[in-house]
Amino acid sequence: MASKLTLRILRYNPETDEVPYYAEYAVMVDPTDRVLDALNMVKWYQEGSLTYRRSCAHGICGSDAMRINGVNRLACKVLVRDVGDFVTVEPLMGFRVIKDLVVDMEPFFAQYRSVLPFFINDARPPERERLQTVADRERFDDTTKCILCAACTTSCPSFWANEDFVGPAAIVNAHRFIFDSRDEAAGERLERLNDREGVWRCRTIFNCTEACPREIKITKAIGEVKKAILYGSPRATK
């Protein structure tokens, strides 16, 4: 049965507003509607200038990450029945707000690019594919699930305190290739992360793990990268 939901949204347009402000909108929703559905209803029928990112609406693209009742979530995965009839929606913390719920993600992607998040192997390709054992594939399976939503990085107090910290998401994507038995650039990635603003900035607070919409064991992955640096080889941490 449909009921009234009040959205309290932190709004800000740098072209017209001196400071951010909260605006409230009431919509009729079903318990199984998502917060994204409620935002769409506001934008489509009440306030067309409301700005936020969205794309697939299935928890795959990661574009609609935002703070919902103070917690980093994907708006397309949070059901109305799980948040009550009054919901506060705010942009992710730690990034410059472009407008309303849209933040500047370029610093995030710059840190992501810094860890070489792609397969590197200059050896002559085999006649067919580069084979792996089941165990080798399972070694990095968890960190392949990252959708680059930035929910983990923007939930991290170390990132809030220092924007130069490479951040959990970048380390997760480095982990995915560091522990890939077919890749040959693990040493270079570990060297890049063995830095004051690299993996050692992590204080093992677990906010990142709790914020991840894909349930990646992020803190565990960061710990494995630390061990690989200490042991001098990712193979030594198996």
Protein backbone atom coordinates (compact mmCIF):
# COMPACT_ATOMS: atom_id res chain seq x y z
CA MET A 1 0.00 0.00 0.00
CA ALA A 2 1.37 3.41 -0.95
CA SER A 3 2.29 5.84 1.82
CA LYS A 4 3.84 9.28 2.12
CA LEU A 5 7.62 9.56 2.18
CA THR A 6 9.38 12.82 2.98
CA LEU A 7 12.77 13.33 1.36
CA ARG A 8 15.04 15.89 3.02
CA ILE A 9 17.64 16.60 0.35
CA LEU A 10 20.79 18.67 0.74
CA ARG A 11 20.75 20.99 -2.26
CA TYR A 12 23.38 23.32 -3.66
CA ASN A 13 23.80 25.15 -6.94
CA PRO A 14 27.12 27.06 -6.95
CA GLU A 15 25.72 29.42 -9.57
CA THR A 16 22.92 30.68 -7.32
CA ASP A 17 23.50 29.49 -3.73
CA GLU A 18 26.04 30.82 -1.27
CA VAL A 19 25.78 27.77 0.96
CA PRO A 20 24.07 24.36 0.78
CA TYR A 21 20.57 24.08 2.22
CA TYR A 22 18.03 21.34 2.94
CA ALA A 23 14.76 21.13 1.02
CA GLU A 24 11.89 18.75 1.79
CA TYR A 25 9.68 16.96 -0.73
CA ALA A 26 6.76 14.59 -0.07
CA VAL A 27 6.01 11.72 -2.44
CA MET A 28 3.70 8.71 -2.41
CA VAL A 29 5.63 5.43 -2.62
CA ASP A 30 5.20 1.70 -2.13
CA PRO A 31 7.30 -0.15 0.47
CA THR A 32 9.21 -1.96 -2.28
CA ASP A 33 10.08 1.22 -4.16
CA ARG A 34 13.71 2.28 -3.98
CA VAL A 35 15.04 5.62 -2.76
CA LEU A 36 16.02 6.19 -6.39
CA ASP A 37 12.35 5.84 -7.38
CA ALA A 38 11.44 8.51 -4.82
CA LEU A 39 14.14 10.84 -6.14
CA ASN A 40 12.87 10.29 -9.67
CA MET A 41 9.34 11.21 -8.57
CA VAL A 42 10.62 14.45 -7.08
CA LYS A 43 12.60 15.31 -10.21
CA TRP A 44 9.94 14.31 -12.73
CA TYR A 45 6.87 15.78 -11.01
CA GLN A 46 7.96 18.42 -8.47
CA GLU A 47 11.43 19.90 -8.95
CA GLY A 48 13.07 19.37 -12.33
CA SER A 49 16.25 21.15 -11.31
CA LEU A 50 17.12 18.46 -8.73
CA THR A 51 20.40 16.93 -9.89
CA TYR A 52 21.85 13.48 -9.18
CA ARG A 53 23.57 10.69 -11.09
CA ARG A 54 21.78 7.50 -12.11
CA SER A 55 22.08 4.96 -14.88
CA CYS A 56 21.38 1.22 -14.72
CA ALA A 57 19.23 1.31 -11.54
CA HIS A 58 20.30 -2.28 -10.79
CA GLY A 59 23.32 -1.82 -8.51
CA ILE A 60 25.84 -2.45 -11.28
CA CYS A 61 27.00 0.95 -12.57
CA GLY A 62 27.59 2.54 -9.15
CA SER A 63 26.60 5.98 -10.37
CA ASP A 64 23.92 6.75 -7.76
CA ALA A 65 26.07 6.46 -4.63
CA MET A 66 25.05 9.01 -2.01
CA ARG A 67 24.51 9.34 1.72
CA ILE A 68 21.12 8.05 2.78
CA ASN A 69 20.35 8.75 6.44
CA GLY A 70 24.04 9.38 6.99
CA VAL A 71 25.26 6.13 5.41
CA ASN A 72 26.88 5.68 2.00
CA ARG A 73 24.49 3.61 -0.11
CA LEU A 74 23.34 3.10 -3.68
CA ALA A 75 19.94 4.77 -4.05
CA CYS A 76 18.85 2.00 -6.43
CA LYS A 77 19.42 -0.70 -3.79
CA VAL A 78 17.80 0.90 -0.74
CA LEU A 79 14.13 0.03 -0.30
CA VAL A 80 11.70 2.53 1.18
CA ARG A 81 10.51 -0.01 3.73
CA ASP A 82 14.05 -0.13 5.18
CA VAL A 83 14.50 3.62 5.74
CA GLY A 84 11.22 4.80 7.25
CA ASP A 85 8.95 7.62 6.18
CA PHE A 86 11.51 10.45 6.56
CA VAL A 87 14.78 10.15 4.67
CA THR A 88 17.76 12.51 4.55
CA VAL A 89 19.73 12.38 1.30
CA GLU A 90 23.13 14.07 0.92
CA PRO A 91 26.07 13.93 -1.50
CA LEU A 92 29.12 11.79 -0.80
CA MET A 93 31.61 13.36 1.60
CA GLY A 94 35.12 14.45 0.67
CA PHE A 95 34.52 15.62 -2.91
CA ARG A 96 33.61 19.02 -4.31
CA VAL A 97 29.89 19.31 -4.93
CA ILE A 98 29.13 20.19 -8.55
CA LYS A 99 25.39 20.50 -7.95
CA ASP A 100 23.01 18.97 -5.41
CA LEU A 101 23.93 15.25 -5.11
CA VAL A 102 26.52 15.28 -7.92
CA VAL A 103 30.15 15.44 -6.80
CA ASP A 104 33.38 15.85 -8.75
CA MET A 105 34.71 12.28 -9.16
CA GLU A 106 37.87 13.19 -11.05
CA PRO A 107 40.18 13.07 -7.95
CA PHE A 108 38.76 9.61 -7.21
CA PHE A 109 39.48 8.34 -10.73
CA ALA A 110 42.95 9.93 -10.69
CA GLN A 111 43.83 7.80 -7.65
CA TYR A 112 42.27 4.78 -9.38
CA ARG A 113 44.44 5.31 -12.46
CA SER A 114 47.55 5.70 -10.33
CA VAL A 115 47.59 2.00 -9.36
CA LEU A 116 47.65 0.72 -12.95
CA PRO A 117 44.20 -0.93 -12.81
CA PHE A 118 44.61 -2.99 -15.95
CA PHE A 119 46.21 -6.24 -17.02
CA ILE A 120 49.95 -6.01 -17.78
CA ASN A 121 51.86 -8.86 -19.38
CA ASP A 122 54.36 -8.19 -22.18
CA ALA A 123 55.18 -11.85 -22.76
CA ARG A 124 54.29 -13.36 -26.11
CA PRO A 125 50.62 -14.36 -26.00
CA PRO A 126 49.95 -18.10 -25.97
CA GLU A 127 48.16 -19.84 -28.80
CA ARG A 128 44.95 -19.75 -26.78
CA GLU A 129 44.04 -18.07 -23.48
CA ARG A 130 46.31 -17.71 -20.45
CA LEU A 131 45.04 -20.47 -18.20
CA GLN A 132 44.65 -20.31 -14.42
CA THR A 133 43.82 -22.86 -11.81
CA VAL A 134 40.57 -22.50 -9.91
CA ALA A 135 42.58 -21.57 -6.81
CA ASP A 136 44.51 -18.87 -8.69
CA ARG A 137 41.25 -17.33 -9.91
CA GLU A 138 39.66 -17.48 -6.48
CA ARG A 139 42.64 -15.59 -5.04
CA PHE A 140 41.40 -12.28 -6.43
CA ASP A 141 37.76 -13.06 -7.21
CA ASP A 142 36.34 -10.83 -4.47
CA THR A 143 38.04 -7.66 -5.67
CA THR A 144 36.82 -8.08 -9.25
CA LYS A 145 33.38 -7.03 -8.02
CA CYS A 146 34.22 -3.33 -7.54
CA ILE A 147 31.90 -0.97 -9.47
CA LEU A 148 33.83 2.25 -8.68
CA CYS A 149 30.93 3.87 -6.86
CA ALA A 150 33.31 5.54 -4.34
CA ALA A 151 31.11 4.53 -1.40
CA CYS A 152 34.10 2.95 0.35
CA THR A 153 36.58 5.77 -0.21
CA THR A 154 34.15 8.48 0.86
CA SER A 155 33.30 6.59 4.05
CA CYS A 156 36.96 6.50 5.10
CA PRO A 157 38.10 8.90 7.88
CA SER A 158 41.67 8.70 6.57
CA PHE A 159 40.40 10.04 3.24
CA TRP A 160 38.38 12.76 4.94
CA ALA A 161 41.52 13.89 6.76
CA ASN A 162 43.83 13.68 3.75
CA GLU A 163 42.62 13.92 0.16
CA ASP A 164 46.01 12.65 -1.05
CA PHE A 165 45.31 9.20 0.41
CA VAL A 166 44.95 6.78 -2.50
CA GLY A 167 41.81 5.39 -0.89
CA PRO A 168 40.21 1.95 -0.45
CA ALA A 169 38.75 1.69 -3.97
CA ALA A 170 42.12 2.20 -5.64
CA ILE A 171 43.73 -0.39 -3.36
CA VAL A 172 40.93 -2.86 -4.12
CA ASN A 173 41.53 -2.47 -7.85
CA ALA A 174 45.28 -2.81 -7.37
CA HIS A 175 44.65 -6.00 -5.38
CA ARG A 176 42.66 -7.44 -8.28
CA PHE A 177 45.78 -7.40 -10.49
CA ILE A 178 48.50 -7.82 -7.86
CA PHE A 179 47.14 -11.27 -7.06
CA ASP A 180 46.38 -12.26 -10.65
CA SER A 181 48.90 -15.00 -11.50
CA ARG A 182 48.90 -13.92 -15.17
CA ASP A 183 49.86 -10.30 -14.50
CA GLU A 184 53.50 -9.15 -14.42
CA ALA A 185 53.28 -5.70 -12.82
CA ALA A 186 52.58 -6.62 -9.20
CA GLY A 187 55.94 -5.26 -8.09
CA GLU A 188 55.32 -1.85 -9.62
CA ARG A 189 51.89 -1.58 -8.05
CA LEU A 190 53.21 -2.61 -4.64
CA GLU A 191 55.96 -0.02 -4.94
CA ARG A 192 53.39 2.67 -5.69
CA LEU A 193 51.27 1.65 -2.72
CA ASN A 194 54.24 1.43 -0.33
CA ASP A 195 53.98 5.12 0.35
CA ARG A 196 52.90 7.52 3.10
CA GLU A 197 49.72 8.25 1.18
CA GLY A 198 49.40 4.68 -0.06
CA VAL A 199 48.25 1.55 1.70
CA TRP A 200 49.81 2.50 5.06
CA ARG A 201 47.41 5.42 5.50
CA CYS A 202 44.68 2.83 6.17
CA ARG A 203 43.85 2.59 9.89
CA THR A 204 41.73 -0.58 9.63
CA ILE A 205 38.49 1.11 10.69
CA PHE A 206 36.27 -1.15 8.51
CA ASN A 207 34.00 1.72 7.36
CA CYS A 208 34.86 0.83 3.79
CA THR A 209 33.79 -2.79 4.16
CA GLU A 210 30.48 -1.79 5.72
CA ALA A 211 29.81 0.78 2.97
CA CYS A 212 30.52 -1.47 -0.01
CA PRO A 213 27.29 -2.27 -1.89
CA ARG A 214 28.95 -5.33 -3.45
CA GLU A 215 29.98 -6.72 -0.04
CA ILE A 216 33.66 -6.83 -0.96
CA LYS A 217 35.91 -7.61 2.02
CA ILE A 218 37.83 -4.40 1.47
CA THR A 219 39.71 -4.22 4.75
CA LYS A 220 40.86 -7.82 4.25
CA ALA A 221 42.09 -6.98 0.75
CA ILE A 222 44.01 -3.96 2.05
CA GLY A 223 45.63 -6.16 4.69
CA GLU A 224 46.69 -8.64 2.01
CA VAL A 225 48.32 -5.85 0.01
CA LYS A 226 50.19 -4.73 3.14
CA LYS A 227 51.45 -8.29 3.65
CA ALA A 228 52.55 -8.51 0.02
CA ILE A 229 54.63 -5.37 0.49
CA LEU A 230 56.19 -6.67 3.71
CA TYR A 231 56.96 -10.10 2.24
CA GLY A 232 58.14 -8.68 -1.07
CA SER A 233 55.81 -10.84 -3.14
CA PRO A 234 52.06 -11.41 -3.46
CA ARG A 235 52.73 -15.13 -3.89
CA ALA A 236 54.17 -15.28 -0.36
CA THR A 237 50.84 -14.28 1.22
CA LYS A 238 48.81 -17.24 -0.03
